[in-house]
N, C-alpha and C. Protein backbone atom coordinates (compact mmCIF):
# COMPACT_ATOMS: atom_id res chain seq x y z
N HIS A 1 46.64 38.16 0.95
CA HIS A 1 45.63 38.50 0.29
C HIS A 1 45.60 40.22 0.02
N ASP A 2 45.31 40.65 -0.97
CA ASP A 2 45.38 42.25 -1.30
C ASP A 2 44.10 42.66 -1.53
N GLY A 3 42.92 42.21 -1.47
CA GLY A 3 41.76 42.60 -1.43
C GLY A 3 41.10 42.49 -2.86
N VAL A 4 42.06 42.06 -3.93
CA VAL A 4 41.49 41.39 -5.19
C VAL A 4 40.67 40.18 -5.14
N ALA A 5 39.56 40.08 -5.91
CA ALA A 5 38.85 38.60 -5.66
C ALA A 5 40.08 37.73 -6.22
N LEU A 6 39.86 36.37 -5.59
CA LEU A 6 40.81 35.41 -6.23
C LEU A 6 40.41 34.87 -7.54
N SER A 7 41.23 35.04 -8.59
CA SER A 7 40.87 34.69 -9.99
C SER A 7 42.07 34.38 -10.82
N SER A 8 42.01 33.26 -11.71
CA SER A 8 43.20 33.01 -12.54
C SER A 8 43.39 34.37 -13.52
N ARG A 9 42.27 35.31 -13.66
CA ARG A 9 42.70 36.32 -14.56
C ARG A 9 43.41 37.31 -13.96
N ASN A 10 43.64 37.35 -12.72
CA ASN A 10 44.40 38.54 -12.01
C ASN A 10 45.83 38.43 -12.52
N LYS A 11 46.28 37.36 -13.13
CA LYS A 11 47.71 37.45 -13.84
C LYS A 11 47.69 38.28 -14.99
N TYR A 12 46.44 38.79 -15.40
CA TYR A 12 46.53 39.78 -16.73
C TYR A 12 46.49 41.16 -16.47
N LEU A 13 46.15 41.17 -15.13
CA LEU A 13 46.16 42.87 -14.73
C LEU A 13 47.55 43.36 -14.47
N THR A 14 47.76 44.73 -14.90
CA THR A 14 49.04 45.38 -14.50
C THR A 14 49.15 45.72 -13.19
N GLN A 15 50.10 46.15 -12.61
CA GLN A 15 50.47 46.58 -11.24
C GLN A 15 49.34 47.74 -10.83
N ALA A 16 49.10 48.63 -11.99
CA ALA A 16 48.26 49.81 -11.57
C ALA A 16 46.72 49.35 -11.69
N GLU A 17 46.43 48.29 -12.51
CA GLU A 17 45.16 47.81 -12.73
C GLU A 17 44.88 47.01 -11.42
N ARG A 18 45.81 46.26 -10.97
CA ARG A 18 45.50 45.43 -9.69
C ARG A 18 45.07 46.43 -8.47
N LEU A 19 45.76 47.40 -8.36
CA LEU A 19 45.67 48.50 -7.49
C LEU A 19 44.33 49.09 -7.48
N ARG A 20 43.74 49.26 -8.54
CA ARG A 20 42.22 49.87 -8.81
C ARG A 20 41.40 48.70 -8.52
N ALA A 21 41.91 47.44 -8.84
CA ALA A 21 40.83 46.39 -8.97
C ALA A 21 40.49 46.19 -7.41
N ARG A 22 41.27 46.47 -6.33
CA ARG A 22 41.08 46.31 -5.07
C ARG A 22 39.55 47.01 -4.68
N THR A 23 39.43 48.31 -5.49
CA THR A 23 38.24 48.75 -5.27
C THR A 23 36.95 48.20 -5.43
N LEU A 24 36.85 47.01 -6.05
CA LEU A 24 35.74 46.23 -6.63
C LEU A 24 35.48 45.52 -5.21
N SER A 25 36.14 44.80 -4.54
CA SER A 25 35.83 44.55 -3.21
C SER A 25 35.50 45.42 -2.28
N GLY A 26 36.18 46.40 -2.37
CA GLY A 26 36.09 47.60 -1.49
C GLY A 26 34.57 48.21 -1.59
N GLY A 27 34.12 48.12 -2.74
CA GLY A 27 32.61 48.67 -3.09
C GLY A 27 31.61 47.86 -2.25
N LEU A 28 31.99 46.57 -2.51
CA LEU A 28 31.15 45.48 -1.80
C LEU A 28 31.18 45.52 -0.34
N ARG A 29 32.35 45.96 0.27
CA ARG A 29 32.47 46.17 1.54
C ARG A 29 31.70 47.44 2.14
N THR A 30 31.63 48.49 1.34
CA THR A 30 31.04 49.76 1.43
C THR A 30 29.55 49.42 1.76
N VAL A 31 29.03 48.62 0.58
CA VAL A 31 27.42 48.32 0.84
C VAL A 31 27.36 47.52 2.12
N GLN A 32 28.32 46.66 2.45
CA GLN A 32 28.11 45.81 3.65
C GLN A 32 27.88 46.91 5.07
N ALA A 33 28.96 47.63 5.05
CA ALA A 33 29.00 48.64 6.06
C ALA A 33 27.74 49.52 6.21
N ALA A 34 27.33 49.67 5.10
CA ALA A 34 26.01 50.74 5.04
C ALA A 34 24.79 50.02 5.69
N VAL A 35 24.69 48.57 5.21
CA VAL A 35 23.80 47.62 5.84
C VAL A 35 23.72 47.35 7.13
N GLU A 36 25.06 47.47 7.96
CA GLU A 36 25.07 47.40 9.16
C GLU A 36 24.74 48.58 9.99
N GLY A 37 24.99 49.54 9.24
CA GLY A 37 24.66 50.85 9.65
C GLY A 37 23.28 51.47 9.77
N GLY A 38 22.33 50.42 9.09
CA GLY A 38 21.00 50.71 9.27
C GLY A 38 20.50 50.82 7.83
N GLU A 39 21.14 50.96 6.91
CA GLU A 39 20.63 51.43 5.38
C GLU A 39 19.83 50.06 4.80
N ARG A 40 18.50 50.17 4.18
CA ARG A 40 17.75 49.28 3.47
C ARG A 40 17.21 49.61 2.15
N ILE A 41 17.57 50.68 1.78
CA ILE A 41 16.96 51.03 0.58
C ILE A 41 18.04 50.68 -0.64
N VAL A 42 17.71 49.75 -1.53
CA VAL A 42 18.76 48.93 -2.38
C VAL A 42 19.40 50.11 -3.35
N GLN A 43 18.61 51.19 -3.94
CA GLN A 43 19.18 52.11 -4.62
C GLN A 43 20.21 52.98 -3.86
N THR A 44 19.97 53.23 -2.70
CA THR A 44 20.88 53.96 -1.72
C THR A 44 22.12 53.21 -1.67
N LEU A 45 22.14 52.01 -1.50
CA LEU A 45 23.01 51.10 -1.25
C LEU A 45 24.03 51.05 -2.39
N LEU A 46 23.38 50.81 -3.38
CA LEU A 46 24.12 50.75 -4.80
C LEU A 46 24.82 52.02 -5.27
N ALA A 47 24.26 53.02 -4.93
CA ALA A 47 24.99 54.17 -5.12
C ALA A 47 26.26 54.38 -4.35
N LEU A 48 26.04 53.83 -3.04
CA LEU A 48 27.14 54.16 -2.33
C LEU A 48 28.41 53.08 -2.79
N GLY A 49 28.02 51.80 -3.09
CA GLY A 49 28.92 51.23 -3.74
C GLY A 49 29.58 51.52 -5.05
N ARG A 50 28.92 52.04 -5.92
CA ARG A 50 29.37 52.71 -7.27
C ARG A 50 30.33 53.57 -7.08
N SER A 51 29.90 54.45 -5.95
CA SER A 51 30.92 55.45 -5.55
C SER A 51 32.30 55.32 -5.17
N SER A 52 32.44 53.85 -4.58
CA SER A 52 33.69 53.54 -4.13
C SER A 52 34.58 52.60 -5.25
N ILE A 53 33.67 52.31 -6.40
CA ILE A 53 34.73 51.45 -7.26
C ILE A 53 34.92 52.11 -8.25
N ASP A 54 36.41 52.03 -8.56
CA ASP A 54 37.19 52.84 -9.74
C ASP A 54 37.62 51.71 -10.56
N ALA A 55 36.76 51.54 -11.80
CA ALA A 55 36.65 50.59 -12.65
C ALA A 55 36.78 51.34 -14.08
N ASP A 56 37.42 50.66 -15.29
CA ASP A 56 37.32 51.25 -16.60
C ASP A 56 35.94 51.12 -17.05
N HIS A 57 35.19 50.05 -16.48
CA HIS A 57 33.83 49.92 -16.98
C HIS A 57 33.24 48.82 -15.69
N LEU A 58 32.43 49.49 -15.03
CA LEU A 58 31.55 48.59 -14.01
C LEU A 58 30.19 48.16 -14.71
N GLN A 59 30.29 46.74 -14.76
CA GLN A 59 29.40 46.36 -15.73
C GLN A 59 28.06 46.01 -15.13
N TYR A 60 27.97 45.56 -13.79
CA TYR A 60 26.76 45.62 -12.83
C TYR A 60 27.29 45.55 -11.66
N LEU A 61 26.36 46.06 -10.98
CA LEU A 61 26.34 46.04 -9.24
C LEU A 61 24.92 45.73 -8.96
N GLU A 62 24.62 44.82 -8.28
CA GLU A 62 23.54 44.33 -8.11
C GLU A 62 23.41 43.86 -6.61
N ILE A 63 21.99 43.99 -5.80
CA ILE A 63 21.80 43.26 -4.73
C ILE A 63 20.73 42.33 -4.99
N ARG A 64 20.97 40.94 -4.58
CA ARG A 64 19.60 39.99 -4.78
C ARG A 64 19.50 39.26 -3.57
N SER A 65 18.13 38.61 -3.64
CA SER A 65 17.89 37.89 -2.55
C SER A 65 18.76 36.62 -2.35
N ALA A 66 19.28 36.20 -1.48
CA ALA A 66 20.10 35.19 -1.25
C ALA A 66 19.39 33.67 -1.59
N ASP A 67 18.25 33.69 -1.41
CA ASP A 67 17.43 32.55 -1.50
C ASP A 67 16.96 32.24 -3.07
N ASP A 68 16.62 33.19 -3.82
CA ASP A 68 16.39 32.81 -5.11
C ASP A 68 16.93 33.79 -6.27
N LEU A 69 17.67 34.90 -5.86
CA LEU A 69 18.64 35.59 -6.84
C LEU A 69 17.54 36.77 -7.37
N THR A 70 16.29 36.93 -6.61
CA THR A 70 15.47 38.05 -7.23
C THR A 70 15.86 39.37 -6.91
N PRO A 71 15.64 40.35 -7.82
CA PRO A 71 16.16 41.57 -7.42
C PRO A 71 15.26 42.15 -6.36
N LEU A 72 16.09 43.06 -5.65
CA LEU A 72 15.28 43.53 -4.44
C LEU A 72 15.21 45.03 -4.49
N VAL A 73 14.15 45.96 -3.98
CA VAL A 73 14.01 47.29 -3.79
C VAL A 73 14.34 47.68 -2.37
N THR A 74 13.81 47.11 -1.60
CA THR A 74 14.11 47.04 -0.04
C THR A 74 14.82 46.03 0.55
N LEU A 75 15.97 46.09 1.21
CA LEU A 75 16.66 45.01 1.84
C LEU A 75 15.80 44.38 3.08
N ASP A 76 15.11 43.44 2.87
CA ASP A 76 14.20 42.93 4.05
C ASP A 76 14.21 41.51 4.08
N ARG A 77 15.34 40.91 3.65
CA ARG A 77 15.67 39.38 3.83
C ARG A 77 17.19 39.12 3.61
N PRO A 78 17.76 38.00 3.95
CA PRO A 78 19.24 37.84 3.37
C PRO A 78 19.23 38.01 1.86
N ALA A 79 20.43 38.51 1.72
CA ALA A 79 20.72 39.14 0.36
C ALA A 79 22.22 38.92 -0.03
N ARG A 80 22.62 39.19 -1.24
CA ARG A 80 24.21 39.11 -1.63
C ARG A 80 24.31 40.42 -2.50
N VAL A 81 25.53 40.98 -2.38
CA VAL A 81 25.82 41.86 -3.42
C VAL A 81 26.77 41.39 -4.62
N PHE A 82 26.43 41.40 -5.80
CA PHE A 82 27.18 41.19 -6.86
C PHE A 82 27.78 42.06 -7.75
N ALA A 83 28.87 42.08 -8.13
CA ALA A 83 29.62 42.97 -8.96
C ALA A 83 30.48 42.42 -10.04
N ALA A 84 30.47 43.31 -11.20
CA ALA A 84 31.60 42.75 -12.50
C ALA A 84 31.85 44.10 -12.87
N ALA A 85 33.16 44.16 -13.09
CA ALA A 85 33.84 45.23 -13.70
C ALA A 85 35.04 45.02 -14.49
N ARG A 86 35.48 45.82 -15.49
CA ARG A 86 36.52 45.66 -16.46
C ARG A 86 37.94 46.46 -15.83
N TYR A 87 38.96 46.06 -15.65
CA TYR A 87 40.23 46.81 -15.44
C TYR A 87 41.06 46.41 -16.77
N GLY A 88 41.30 47.46 -17.62
CA GLY A 88 41.90 47.17 -18.71
C GLY A 88 41.02 46.02 -19.72
N SER A 89 41.89 44.92 -20.11
CA SER A 89 41.30 43.83 -20.82
C SER A 89 40.57 42.88 -19.86
N THR A 90 40.97 42.91 -18.68
CA THR A 90 40.62 41.83 -17.67
C THR A 90 38.97 42.21 -17.02
N ARG A 91 38.14 41.13 -17.11
CA ARG A 91 37.06 41.21 -16.22
C ARG A 91 37.15 40.68 -14.92
N LEU A 92 36.91 41.30 -14.07
CA LEU A 92 36.57 40.51 -12.70
C LEU A 92 35.23 40.59 -12.20
N ILE A 93 34.74 39.57 -11.54
CA ILE A 93 33.57 39.42 -10.75
C ILE A 93 33.92 39.16 -9.24
N ASP A 94 32.98 39.43 -8.36
CA ASP A 94 32.81 39.49 -7.04
C ASP A 94 31.52 39.41 -6.44
N ASN A 95 31.37 38.88 -5.41
CA ASN A 95 30.11 38.98 -4.58
C ASN A 95 30.27 38.60 -3.08
N MET A 96 29.58 39.23 -2.25
CA MET A 96 29.40 39.01 -0.78
C MET A 96 28.10 39.00 -0.25
N ALA A 97 28.18 38.31 0.77
CA ALA A 97 26.84 38.26 1.69
C ALA A 97 26.72 39.59 2.27
N LEU A 98 25.46 39.99 2.55
CA LEU A 98 25.00 41.17 3.17
C LEU A 98 24.67 40.65 4.64
N PRO A 99 24.74 41.63 5.69
CA PRO A 99 24.41 41.33 7.00
C PRO A 99 22.74 41.25 6.96
N ASP A 100 22.49 40.20 7.64
CA ASP A 100 21.00 39.80 7.82
C ASP A 100 20.13 41.28 8.37
N PRO A 101 19.29 41.78 7.54
CA PRO A 101 18.59 42.86 7.80
C PRO A 101 17.45 42.95 8.79
N THR A 102 17.09 41.65 9.14
CA THR A 102 15.76 41.49 10.13
C THR A 102 16.50 41.34 11.36
């Protein structure tokens, strides 16, 4: 596994796009690491994630409550980070659980 989200759409990526697409999950892992390091401000976490993602178009990067998917301002409960981005004509989506902040 090379770090690109498992998807049937991966076959449409060129080799160069596939290399860049690794940064989508890398950005999510950057957010995870920041939470592990104690960061709880969602806007800060999202800025860190955005700076790690190299995409033709980052459609969204969001942190939401794991229970009901409501948007969060401060990480004060279990949450997930969600992302969608375009690499060439291919749209990839990914999400990861964040470490429990409590």
